[in-house]
C-alpha cells in the first residue's frame, strides 16, 4: 500500500494517548518514578539496562510463566488419568 492509498479511515490514532497508561517504576539509580517506555531516567540520566528491565518487569513474567507451567502440569496429569482409564478398560 502506498502513502497516497491511505485514507482518513485507515489511520488508527484516536488522539487519546496517555503515556501514564504505560506504567511506571522506580529508577534503580535515584529512585525517581519513571515511565516503563523510557530508556533513560529523566531525573538522573541513568540508562536502563536489560537486567534492570527484567528486574522491573520480572514479577509479571514470572506469574505468567508459573500459570503456563501449572496448565502444562495439569494437562499431563489429565492425559495420564485418561491413559490409565483406557488401559484399565482394555485389560
C-alpha atoms as a PDB file:
ATOM      1  CA  UNK A   1       0.000   0.000   0.000  1.00  0.00           C
ATOM      2  CA  UNK A   2       1.442   3.368  -0.983  1.00  0.00           C
ATOM      3  CA  UNK A   3       1.159   6.517   1.125  1.00  0.00           C
ATOM      4  CA  UNK A   4      -1.345   8.034  -1.273  1.00  0.00           C
ATOM      5  CA  UNK A   5      -3.594   4.980  -0.753  1.00  0.00           C
ATOM      6  CA  UNK A   6      -4.119   5.812   2.940  1.00  0.00           C
ATOM      7  CA  UNK A   7      -7.426   7.416   3.761  1.00  0.00           C
ATOM      8  CA  UNK A   8      -8.706   9.029   6.918  1.00  0.00           C
ATOM      9  CA  UNK A   9     -10.401   5.783   7.983  1.00  0.00           C
ATOM     10  CA  UNK A  10      -7.072   3.892   7.773  1.00  0.00           C
ATOM     11  CA  UNK A  11      -5.444   5.987  10.495  1.00  0.00           C
ATOM     12  CA  UNK A  12      -5.720   4.191  13.836  1.00  0.00           C
ATOM     13  CA  UNK A  13      -4.997   7.094  16.179  1.00  0.00           C
ATOM     14  CA  UNK A  14      -7.849   8.175  18.401  1.00  0.00           C
ATOM     15  CA  UNK A  15      -5.787  11.009  19.873  1.00  0.00           C
ATOM     16  CA  UNK A  16      -6.336   9.772  23.417  1.00  0.00           C
ATOM     17  CA  UNK A  17      -2.772   8.548  24.060  1.00  0.00           C
ATOM     18  CA  UNK A  18      -1.846   8.827  27.701  1.00  0.00           C
ATOM     19  CA  UNK A  19       1.793   7.961  28.474  1.00  0.00           C
ATOM     20  CA  UNK A  20       0.877   7.318  32.107  1.00  0.00           C
ATOM     21  CA  UNK A  21      -1.114   4.254  30.979  1.00  0.00           C
ATOM     22  CA  UNK A  22       2.196   2.614  30.038  1.00  0.00           C
ATOM     23  CA  UNK A  23       3.023   2.030  33.709  1.00  0.00           C
ATOM     24  CA  UNK A  24       5.755   3.346  35.933  1.00  0.00           C
ATOM     25  CA  UNK A  25       8.580   2.001  38.078  1.00  0.00           C
ATOM     26  CA  UNK A  26      11.319   3.367  40.291  1.00  0.00           C
ATOM     27  CA  UNK A  27      14.672   4.251  38.758  1.00  0.00           C
ATOM     28  CA  UNK A  28      17.281   1.765  40.035  1.00  0.00           C
ATOM     29  CA  UNK A  29      19.801   4.604  40.425  1.00  0.00           C
ATOM     30  CA  UNK A  30      17.928   7.538  42.011  1.00  0.00           C
ATOM     31  CA  UNK A  31      14.525   6.062  42.882  1.00  0.00           C
ATOM     32  CA  UNK A  32      12.547   8.588  40.823  1.00  0.00           C
ATOM     33  CA  UNK A  33       9.315   7.352  39.274  1.00  0.00           C
ATOM     34  CA  UNK A  34       9.855   6.746  35.548  1.00  0.00           C
ATOM     35  CA  UNK A  35       7.630   5.514  32.751  1.00  0.00           C
ATOM     36  CA  UNK A  36       8.374   1.971  31.626  1.00  0.00           C
ATOM     37  CA  UNK A  37       8.533   3.036  27.986  1.00  0.00           C
ATOM     38  CA  UNK A  38      11.594   5.222  28.661  1.00  0.00           C
ATOM     39  CA  UNK A  39      15.142   4.009  28.159  1.00  0.00           C
ATOM     40  CA  UNK A  40      16.732   6.691  30.351  1.00  0.00           C
ATOM     41  CA  UNK A  41      15.695   8.242  33.661  1.00  0.00           C
ATOM     42  CA  UNK A  42      14.735  11.886  33.084  1.00  0.00           C
ATOM     43  CA  UNK A  43      15.842  12.794  36.635  1.00  0.00           C
ATOM     44  CA  UNK A  44      19.382  11.386  36.868  1.00  0.00           C
ATOM     45  CA  UNK A  45      20.096  10.276  33.285  1.00  0.00           C
ATOM     46  CA  UNK A  46      20.634   6.619  34.231  1.00  0.00           C
ATOM     47  CA  UNK A  47      20.262   4.305  31.209  1.00  0.00           C
ATOM     48  CA  UNK A  48      18.075   1.290  31.955  1.00  0.00           C
ATOM     49  CA  UNK A  49      19.799  -1.985  31.083  1.00  0.00           C
ATOM     50  CA  UNK A  50      18.143  -5.253  30.063  1.00  0.00           C
ATOM     51  CA  UNK A  51      18.842  -6.552  33.575  1.00  0.00           C
ATOM     52  CA  UNK A  52      17.008  -3.534  35.014  1.00  0.00           C
ATOM     53  CA  UNK A  53      14.042  -4.193  32.729  1.00  0.00           C
ATOM     54  CA  UNK A  54      13.906  -7.863  33.756  1.00  0.00           C
ATOM     55  CA  UNK A  55      14.001  -6.818  37.404  1.00  0.00           C
ATOM     56  CA  UNK A  56      11.235  -4.253  36.853  1.00  0.00           C
ATOM     57  CA  UNK A  57       9.050  -6.489  34.647  1.00  0.00           C
ATOM     58  CA  UNK A  58      10.067  -9.765  36.306  1.00  0.00           C
ATOM     59  CA  UNK A  59       7.090 -10.427  38.591  1.00  0.00           C
ATOM     60  CA  UNK A  60       4.658 -10.040  35.695  1.00  0.00           C
ATOM     61  CA  UNK A  61       6.568 -12.524  33.548  1.00  0.00           C
ATOM     62  CA  UNK A  62       7.185 -14.916  36.411  1.00  0.00           C
ATOM     63  CA  UNK A  63       3.488 -15.118  37.274  1.00  0.00           C
ATOM     64  CA  UNK A  64       2.620 -15.733  33.606  1.00  0.00           C
ATOM     65  CA  UNK A  65       5.318 -18.416  33.468  1.00  0.00           C
ATOM     66  CA  UNK A  66       4.001 -20.128  36.586  1.00  0.00           C
ATOM     67  CA  UNK A  67       0.495 -20.043  35.218  1.00  0.00           C
ATOM     68  CA  UNK A  68       1.639 -21.652  31.971  1.00  0.00           C
ATOM     69  CA  UNK A  69       3.589 -24.284  33.899  1.00  0.00           C
ATOM     70  CA  UNK A  70       0.518 -25.069  36.008  1.00  0.00           C
ATOM     71  CA  UNK A  71      -1.554 -25.622  32.855  1.00  0.00           C
ATOM     72  CA  UNK A  72       1.114 -27.884  31.357  1.00  0.00           C
ATOM     73  CA  UNK A  73       1.326 -29.986  34.531  1.00  0.00           C
ATOM     74  CA  UNK A  74      -2.487 -30.207  34.746  1.00  0.00           C
ATOM     75  CA  UNK A  75      -2.619 -31.312  31.098  1.00  0.00           C
ATOM     76  CA  UNK A  76      -0.014 -34.030  31.627  1.00  0.00           C
ATOM     77  CA  UNK A  77      -1.832 -35.291  34.724  1.00  0.00           C
ATOM     78  CA  UNK A  78      -5.160 -35.336  32.839  1.00  0.00           C
ATOM     79  CA  UNK A  79      -3.621 -37.267  29.944  1.00  0.00           C
ATOM     80  CA  UNK A  80      -2.111 -39.733  32.419  1.00  0.00           C
ATOM     81  CA  UNK A  81      -5.512 -40.294  34.035  1.00  0.00           C
ATOM     82  CA  UNK A  82      -7.177 -40.821  30.656  1.00  0.00           C
ATOM     83  CA  UNK A  83      -4.437 -43.247  29.620  1.00  0.00           C
ATOM     84  CA  UNK A  84      -4.784 -45.156  32.905  1.00  0.00           C
ATOM     85  CA  UNK A  85      -8.573 -45.372  32.487  1.00  0.00           C
ATOM     86  CA  UNK A  86      -8.247 -46.645  28.909  1.00  0.00           C
ATOM     87  CA  UNK A  87      -5.685 -49.245  29.973  1.00  0.00           C
ATOM     88  CA  UNK A  88      -7.969 -50.377  32.823  1.00  0.00           C
ATOM     89  CA  UNK A  89     -10.889 -50.822  30.409  1.00  0.00           C
ATOM     90  CA  UNK A  90      -8.772 -52.731  27.881  1.00  0.00           C
ATOM     91  CA  UNK A  91      -7.330 -55.156  30.423  1.00  0.00           C
END
